[in-house]
Amino acid sequence: MRFALVLLFACTSEHAAPTPIRFLHTFGADETELLNATLADRHVAVESSLVPFARGQQVIGEILRAGTSCPDLIRIDATWLPGFAGLLQPVPAPLRQLDWLPEASALAGDTALPQTVDGLFVIRDEATPAPAGASIDELVAATRAVRHAGRPNPLGLRVDGYWFVPWLRSEGADLGAIENAGAVHALATFAALFGELAPPPPPAGGEAPDEIRRWTGHEIAYWVTGPWQLGALRDRDRLQVSALAHAPRGGQLLVVPNCAKRPGEGWRLAAELTAIDVERKFAEAFAAVPSRKAALDAAPPLVHAEYAALRAAEMLPRSRQTPLLFDDLNPAIAAVVFGDATAQEAIDGVRRGWHRLEKK
């Protein structure tokens, strides 16, 4: 799916319209609307193109390696950055020296500007007791305590490798490192939650709307999620955020490819998108955690709570293989949840798949 929208500020017959900056991104529809309005207000001419997040790494990689028709700026997930090594421009020194949050800087390195920080945490309504601590056992105990006939599955959780990472790490394993027996126990424990404390999973692709429906219907008491879901929620002032031990932390980055025809304009747009007032707008509208200290200072209390929870999270391994690891992990988790494989069989299969990736 691709669309292009050119935002041009008013011009007279004496002044030609500026050449728009070409921007490829993975924003959702509501974010794109705010993006376009914000850039128009700032008199920045942009030709904005969307690539679906699920295909983003593949599509962007093909564009960068072909070296033709390259955009001036690209928004990417932080896990994709190592796979684009050698294909990106270094960040200009004046931009590197801005007031980036340490968690944002750690994601970006020398060839990207951080735009947001994200990851997993636990949210609840202010009337729901907080878990006693950040551990998985304490989250499960809190969920059991609030379960009743009207709310038999009060834990919001996805059948997804990203959501599985805290369970994996709690057993001494990690993404890409499941050689110990703890990985089998972690998967068995994780899978057993579905149908007991967590609702049975919806069809693939329906996770986000199903979670929103269950949350707004007060079926979920504790929801393991990230900032990307909170913008759709009503009554955000009632939300409370708790850290989840060993949760993954990530974010979204802005990069300028080596093949960009106007790299200077790409960095100009990156500077606009990480300006304090722009980051503040996205924090207020979508509860996005900004990348700059001054923007965080001006953000709503909910965003501060998210950031506090994410500071306890841990980055995923910084490897070009990291995004590919989920291709083996996700179906393996689903097979155990749906009873098509044992945890041992699934982990054995994932190990074989990951070993093949290591040899490439």
Protein backbone atom coordinates (compact mmCIF):
# COMPACT_ATOMS: atom_id res chain seq x y z
CA MET A 1 0.00 0.00 0.00
CA ARG A 2 1.39 3.40 -0.93
CA PHE A 3 0.02 6.86 -1.01
CA ALA A 4 1.58 10.24 -1.56
CA LEU A 5 0.43 13.53 -0.17
CA VAL A 6 2.24 16.75 -0.93
CA LEU A 7 1.90 19.47 1.65
CA LEU A 8 2.73 22.82 0.12
CA PHE A 9 2.49 26.16 1.86
CA ALA A 10 0.77 28.98 0.02
CA CYS A 11 2.80 30.52 -2.74
CA THR A 12 2.38 33.44 -5.06
CA SER A 13 3.02 33.61 -8.77
CA GLU A 14 6.40 35.21 -7.97
CA HIS A 15 7.55 32.25 -5.85
CA ALA A 16 7.68 28.69 -7.15
CA ALA A 17 6.49 25.94 -4.83
CA PRO A 18 9.39 24.34 -2.93
CA THR A 19 10.55 20.86 -3.86
CA PRO A 20 9.00 18.56 -1.25
CA ILE A 21 11.17 16.44 1.02
CA ARG A 22 10.57 12.75 0.33
CA PHE A 23 9.65 10.87 3.52
CA LEU A 24 8.95 7.14 3.85
CA HIS A 25 7.35 6.09 7.13
CA THR A 26 5.29 3.53 9.04
CA PHE A 27 2.90 5.87 10.89
CA GLY A 28 -0.69 4.75 11.40
CA ALA A 29 -3.61 6.63 9.87
CA ASP A 30 -4.27 8.92 12.86
CA GLU A 31 -0.56 9.63 13.32
CA THR A 32 -0.23 10.43 9.62
CA GLU A 33 -3.08 12.93 9.87
CA LEU A 34 -1.37 14.73 12.75
CA LEU A 35 1.97 14.52 10.95
CA ASN A 36 0.58 16.16 7.81
CA ALA A 37 -1.20 18.91 9.74
CA THR A 38 1.89 19.62 11.84
CA LEU A 39 4.22 19.88 8.88
CA ALA A 40 1.75 22.13 7.04
CA ASP A 41 1.62 24.43 10.08
CA ARG A 42 5.42 24.53 10.09
CA HIS A 43 5.50 25.36 6.36
CA VAL A 44 7.47 22.22 5.48
CA ALA A 45 6.77 20.74 2.04
CA VAL A 46 6.78 16.94 2.27
CA GLU A 47 5.95 14.08 -0.07
CA SER A 48 4.93 11.44 2.44
CA SER A 49 4.77 7.73 1.59
CA LEU A 50 3.55 4.93 3.83
CA VAL A 51 4.85 1.39 4.04
CA PRO A 52 2.93 -1.05 6.30
CA PHE A 53 4.94 -1.81 9.43
CA ALA A 54 4.74 -5.59 8.89
CA ARG A 55 6.58 -5.24 5.55
CA GLY A 56 8.67 -2.24 6.45
CA GLN A 57 12.05 -3.86 6.97
CA GLN A 58 11.83 -5.85 3.74
CA VAL A 59 10.57 -2.98 1.58
CA ILE A 60 13.02 -0.43 2.98
CA GLY A 61 15.92 -2.84 2.66
CA GLU A 62 15.10 -3.43 -1.01
CA ILE A 63 14.96 0.32 -1.64
CA LEU A 64 18.27 1.01 0.08
CA ARG A 65 20.10 -1.82 -1.67
CA ALA A 66 18.73 -0.88 -5.08
CA GLY A 67 19.95 2.69 -4.51
CA THR A 68 17.36 4.23 -6.83
CA SER A 69 14.25 6.26 -6.00
CA CYS A 70 15.47 6.66 -2.43
CA PRO A 71 13.57 8.93 -0.04
CA ASP A 72 15.36 11.74 1.77
CA LEU A 73 14.27 10.47 5.19
CA ILE A 74 12.94 7.14 6.50
CA ARG A 75 11.29 6.23 9.79
CA ILE A 76 12.27 2.74 10.94
CA ASP A 77 11.94 0.46 13.94
CA ALA A 78 15.06 0.35 16.10
CA THR A 79 15.48 -3.40 15.56
CA TRP A 80 15.93 -2.82 11.81
CA LEU A 81 18.92 -0.50 12.22
CA PRO A 82 21.72 -3.14 12.33
CA GLY A 83 20.41 -4.65 9.09
CA PHE A 84 20.90 -1.34 7.30
CA ALA A 85 24.53 -0.90 8.39
CA GLY A 86 26.64 0.81 5.73
CA LEU A 87 23.57 2.12 3.91
CA LEU A 88 22.89 5.18 6.06
CA GLN A 89 24.33 8.67 6.49
CA PRO A 90 25.96 9.63 9.83
CA VAL A 91 23.96 12.06 11.92
CA PRO A 92 25.28 15.64 11.69
CA ALA A 93 27.07 16.76 14.86
CA PRO A 94 24.61 19.56 15.77
CA LEU A 95 21.76 17.06 15.85
CA ARG A 96 23.73 14.47 17.82
CA GLN A 97 24.32 17.07 20.54
CA LEU A 98 20.66 17.75 21.36
CA ASP A 99 19.08 16.76 24.68
CA TRP A 100 18.31 13.13 23.87
CA LEU A 101 17.10 10.83 26.62
CA PRO A 102 19.75 8.17 27.38
CA GLU A 103 17.37 5.33 26.44
CA ALA A 104 16.73 7.03 23.09
CA SER A 105 20.41 7.59 22.39
CA ALA A 106 21.18 3.95 23.12
CA LEU A 107 18.72 2.92 20.40
CA ALA A 108 19.98 5.30 17.74
CA GLY A 109 23.76 5.03 17.55
CA ASP A 110 25.61 7.26 15.05
CA THR A 111 23.34 6.87 12.00
CA ALA A 112 19.88 7.60 13.36
CA LEU A 113 17.91 10.17 15.30
CA PRO A 114 15.55 8.68 17.89
CA GLN A 115 11.94 9.81 17.57
CA THR A 116 10.15 7.74 20.23
CA VAL A 117 10.92 5.23 22.95
CA ASP A 118 8.59 2.26 23.35
CA GLY A 119 8.41 -1.26 24.76
CA LEU A 120 6.21 -3.32 27.06
CA PHE A 121 4.75 -2.44 30.45
CA VAL A 122 1.55 -3.20 32.39
CA ILE A 123 -1.41 -0.85 32.51
CA ARG A 124 -4.43 -0.94 34.79
CA ASP A 125 -7.28 1.31 35.86
CA GLU A 126 -6.60 3.43 38.93
CA ALA A 127 -9.26 1.43 40.85
CA THR A 128 -7.37 -1.84 40.27
CA PRO A 129 -4.70 -2.73 42.85
CA ALA A 130 -1.12 -2.53 41.62
CA PRO A 131 0.87 -5.77 41.40
CA ALA A 132 3.13 -6.16 44.42
CA GLY A 133 6.16 -5.81 42.19
CA ALA A 134 7.44 -5.97 38.63
CA SER A 135 8.05 -9.72 38.39
CA ILE A 136 5.94 -12.03 36.26
CA ASP A 137 4.96 -14.03 39.34
CA GLU A 138 3.64 -10.87 41.01
CA LEU A 139 1.68 -9.91 37.90
CA VAL A 140 0.12 -13.39 37.71
CA ALA A 141 -0.72 -13.30 41.45
CA ALA A 142 -2.43 -9.91 41.08
CA THR A 143 -4.42 -11.18 38.11
CA ARG A 144 -5.60 -14.25 39.99
CA ALA A 145 -6.73 -12.04 42.86
CA VAL A 146 -9.11 -10.01 40.67
CA ARG A 147 -10.51 -12.90 38.64
CA HIS A 148 -14.22 -13.58 39.14
CA ALA A 149 -17.23 -14.88 37.23
CA GLY A 150 -17.78 -11.64 35.36
CA ARG A 151 -14.12 -11.32 34.46
CA PRO A 152 -12.70 -14.84 34.05
CA ASN A 153 -9.71 -13.84 31.87
CA PRO A 154 -8.46 -10.51 33.26
CA LEU A 155 -4.90 -10.59 31.84
CA GLY A 156 -4.30 -8.87 28.50
CA LEU A 157 -1.54 -10.75 26.68
CA ARG A 158 -0.63 -11.55 23.05
CA VAL A 159 0.52 -14.76 21.42
CA ASP A 160 3.63 -13.07 20.09
CA GLY A 161 7.37 -13.47 20.53
CA TYR A 162 7.79 -9.86 21.64
CA TRP A 163 5.36 -10.44 24.52
CA PHE A 164 7.10 -13.73 25.33
CA VAL A 165 10.49 -12.07 25.89
CA PRO A 166 9.91 -11.25 29.62
CA TRP A 167 8.98 -14.88 30.32
CA LEU A 168 12.03 -16.08 28.39
CA ARG A 169 14.39 -13.74 30.20
CA SER A 170 12.94 -14.64 33.59
CA GLU A 171 14.23 -18.18 33.03
CA GLY A 172 17.76 -17.08 32.11
CA ALA A 173 17.28 -17.25 28.33
CA ASP A 174 16.80 -14.45 25.80
CA LEU A 175 15.87 -13.76 22.23
CA GLY A 176 18.41 -15.67 20.16
CA ALA A 177 19.72 -17.56 23.20
CA ILE A 178 17.48 -20.47 24.20
CA GLU A 179 20.00 -23.26 24.72
CA ASN A 180 19.17 -23.73 28.39
CA ALA A 181 16.23 -25.75 29.70
CA GLY A 182 14.62 -22.60 31.05
CA ALA A 183 13.31 -21.71 27.60
CA VAL A 184 11.06 -24.79 27.57
CA HIS A 185 9.67 -23.97 31.01
CA ALA A 186 9.14 -20.35 30.01
CA LEU A 187 7.13 -21.32 26.92
CA ALA A 188 5.03 -23.87 28.82
CA THR A 189 4.26 -21.29 31.51
CA PHE A 190 3.45 -18.56 28.99
CA ALA A 191 1.19 -20.78 26.88
CA ALA A 192 -0.71 -22.06 29.93
CA LEU A 193 -1.93 -18.53 30.70
CA PHE A 194 -4.19 -18.44 27.62
CA GLY A 195 -7.65 -19.71 28.43
CA GLU A 196 -6.85 -19.56 32.14
CA LEU A 197 -5.93 -15.96 33.02
CA ALA A 198 -5.60 -14.50 29.52
CA PRO A 199 -8.47 -14.82 27.03
CA PRO A 200 -8.12 -17.26 24.14
CA PRO A 201 -6.30 -15.46 21.31
CA PRO A 202 -8.28 -13.94 18.44
CA PRO A 203 -7.48 -14.75 14.78
CA ALA A 204 -4.07 -13.49 13.67
CA GLY A 205 -4.18 -9.81 12.83
CA GLY A 206 -7.12 -9.11 15.12
CA GLU A 207 -5.13 -8.63 18.32
CA ALA A 208 -5.28 -4.84 18.57
CA PRO A 209 -9.07 -4.39 18.11
CA ASP A 210 -9.76 -7.40 20.35
CA GLU A 211 -7.62 -5.93 23.12
CA ILE A 212 -9.30 -2.53 22.82
CA ARG A 213 -12.75 -4.16 22.96
CA ARG A 214 -11.89 -6.20 26.03
CA TRP A 215 -10.30 -3.23 27.79
CA THR A 216 -13.19 -0.85 27.13
CA GLY A 217 -15.58 -3.62 28.21
CA HIS A 218 -13.68 -3.91 31.53
CA GLU A 219 -12.86 -7.55 30.88
CA ILE A 220 -9.12 -6.92 31.31
CA ALA A 221 -7.67 -5.79 34.63
CA TYR A 222 -3.95 -5.93 33.77
CA TRP A 223 -2.85 -5.37 30.18
CA VAL A 224 0.67 -6.05 28.93
CA THR A 225 1.02 -3.54 26.13
CA GLY A 226 3.00 -0.54 24.91
CA PRO A 227 2.57 3.15 24.08
CA TRP A 228 1.27 2.35 20.59
CA GLN A 229 -2.08 1.20 22.07
CA LEU A 230 -2.76 3.97 24.55
CA GLY A 231 -3.64 6.66 22.03
CA ALA A 232 -6.86 4.79 21.20
CA LEU A 233 -8.06 4.66 24.83
CA ARG A 234 -10.62 6.92 26.45
CA ASP A 235 -10.23 8.16 30.04
CA ARG A 236 -6.44 8.05 29.84
CA ASP A 237 -6.24 10.08 33.04
CA ARG A 238 -7.38 6.95 34.90
CA LEU A 239 -4.55 4.78 33.61
CA GLN A 240 -1.77 3.56 35.87
CA VAL A 241 1.47 2.11 34.48
CA SER A 242 3.72 -0.50 36.08
CA ALA A 243 7.06 -1.88 34.96
CA LEU A 244 7.32 -5.51 33.85
CA ALA A 245 10.59 -7.20 34.76
CA HIS A 246 12.76 -8.12 31.75
CA ALA A 247 10.41 -6.39 29.31
CA PRO A 248 11.82 -5.45 25.89
CA ARG A 249 12.47 -1.78 25.13
CA GLY A 250 12.65 -0.33 21.63
CA GLY A 251 11.65 2.73 19.67
CA GLN A 252 11.31 4.45 16.32
CA LEU A 253 14.22 6.08 14.52
CA LEU A 254 14.75 8.56 11.69
CA VAL A 255 17.49 7.77 9.16
CA VAL A 256 18.84 9.33 5.97
CA PRO A 257 20.01 6.80 3.36
CA ASN A 258 23.28 7.13 1.49
CA CYS A 259 21.29 7.05 -1.74
CA ALA A 260 19.15 10.08 -0.79
CA LYS A 261 19.34 12.81 -3.43
CA ARG A 262 18.92 15.56 -0.82
CA PRO A 263 20.37 14.28 2.48
CA GLY A 264 20.52 17.78 3.94
CA GLU A 265 16.77 18.14 3.49
CA GLY A 266 16.30 14.73 5.05
CA TRP A 267 18.11 15.85 8.20
CA ARG A 268 16.14 19.10 8.14
CA LEU A 269 12.90 17.10 8.26
CA ALA A 270 14.30 14.84 11.00
CA ALA A 271 15.05 17.96 13.04
CA GLU A 272 11.48 19.18 12.52
CA LEU A 273 10.00 15.83 13.60
CA THR A 274 12.10 15.77 16.78
CA ALA A 275 11.49 19.43 17.66
CA ILE A 276 10.22 19.90 21.20
CA ASP A 277 6.76 21.16 20.26
CA VAL A 278 6.25 18.39 17.68
CA GLU A 279 7.25 15.66 20.10
CA ARG A 280 4.95 17.24 22.69
CA LYS A 281 2.02 17.12 20.24
CA PHE A 282 2.52 13.40 19.64
CA ALA A 283 2.87 12.76 23.38
CA GLU A 284 -0.41 14.54 24.08
CA ALA A 285 -2.30 12.99 21.17
CA PHE A 286 -1.04 9.40 21.31
CA ALA A 287 0.77 9.01 24.65
CA ALA A 288 3.98 8.52 22.64
CA VAL A 289 7.13 8.65 24.76
CA PRO A 290 9.34 11.38 23.24
CA SER A 291 13.06 11.09 22.65
CA ARG A 292 14.15 14.47 24.06
CA LYS A 293 14.37 15.55 27.69
CA ALA A 294 12.61 18.90 27.21
CA ALA A 295 9.74 17.21 25.36
CA LEU A 296 9.36 14.68 28.16
CA ASP A 297 9.33 17.49 30.73
CA ALA A 298 6.34 19.01 28.90
CA ALA A 299 4.52 15.70 28.39
CA PRO A 300 1.37 14.57 30.29
CA PRO A 301 1.74 12.56 33.53
CA LEU A 302 0.78 9.33 31.75
CA VAL A 303 3.78 9.67 29.43
CA HIS A 304 6.07 10.22 32.42
CA ALA A 305 4.69 7.02 33.96
CA GLU A 306 5.33 5.13 30.73
CA TYR A 307 8.89 6.39 30.58
CA ALA A 308 9.52 5.42 34.21
CA ALA A 309 8.30 1.89 33.48
CA LEU A 310 10.36 1.60 30.30
CA ARG A 311 13.56 2.68 32.03
CA ALA A 312 13.51 -0.73 33.74
CA ALA A 313 13.12 -2.54 30.41
CA GLU A 314 15.99 -3.95 28.35
CA MET A 315 16.84 -3.57 24.67
CA LEU A 316 16.65 -6.55 22.37
CA PRO A 317 19.95 -7.93 21.02
CA ARG A 318 21.55 -5.45 18.59
CA SER A 319 21.92 -7.77 15.62
CA ARG A 320 20.76 -7.77 12.00
CA GLN A 321 19.20 -11.18 12.77
CA THR A 322 16.99 -9.98 15.64
CA PRO A 323 13.85 -9.13 13.60
CA LEU A 324 14.18 -12.45 11.76
CA LEU A 325 14.18 -14.46 14.98
CA PHE A 326 10.47 -13.78 15.41
CA ASP A 327 9.73 -15.60 12.14
CA ASP A 328 10.52 -18.88 13.92
CA LEU A 329 9.43 -17.89 17.42
CA ASN A 330 5.92 -16.59 16.70
CA PRO A 331 4.48 -19.72 15.03
CA ALA A 332 6.16 -21.92 17.62
CA ILE A 333 4.43 -20.06 20.45
CA ALA A 334 1.10 -20.27 18.63
CA ALA A 335 1.54 -24.03 18.13
CA VAL A 336 1.93 -24.56 21.89
CA VAL A 337 -0.94 -22.25 22.80
CA PHE A 338 -3.28 -24.06 20.42
CA GLY A 339 -2.12 -27.50 21.52
CA ASP A 340 -0.42 -28.47 18.27
CA ALA A 341 3.02 -28.97 19.84
CA THR A 342 4.61 -29.36 23.25
CA ALA A 343 6.86 -26.65 24.61
CA GLN A 344 9.86 -28.97 24.15
CA GLU A 345 8.99 -29.68 20.51
CA ALA A 346 8.45 -26.00 19.79
CA ILE A 347 11.71 -24.85 21.39
CA ASP A 348 13.63 -27.61 19.59
CA GLY A 349 12.21 -26.33 16.30
CA VAL A 350 13.08 -22.72 17.13
CA ARG A 351 16.64 -23.71 17.99
CA ARG A 352 17.05 -25.38 14.61
CA GLY A 353 15.65 -22.33 12.83
CA TRP A 354 17.87 -19.92 14.73
CA HIS A 355 20.96 -22.03 14.09
CA ARG A 356 20.24 -21.84 10.37
CA LEU A 357 20.04 -18.04 10.62
CA GLU A 358 23.40 -17.90 12.38
CA LYS A 359 25.05 -19.64 9.41
CA LYS A 360 23.77 -17.13 6.86
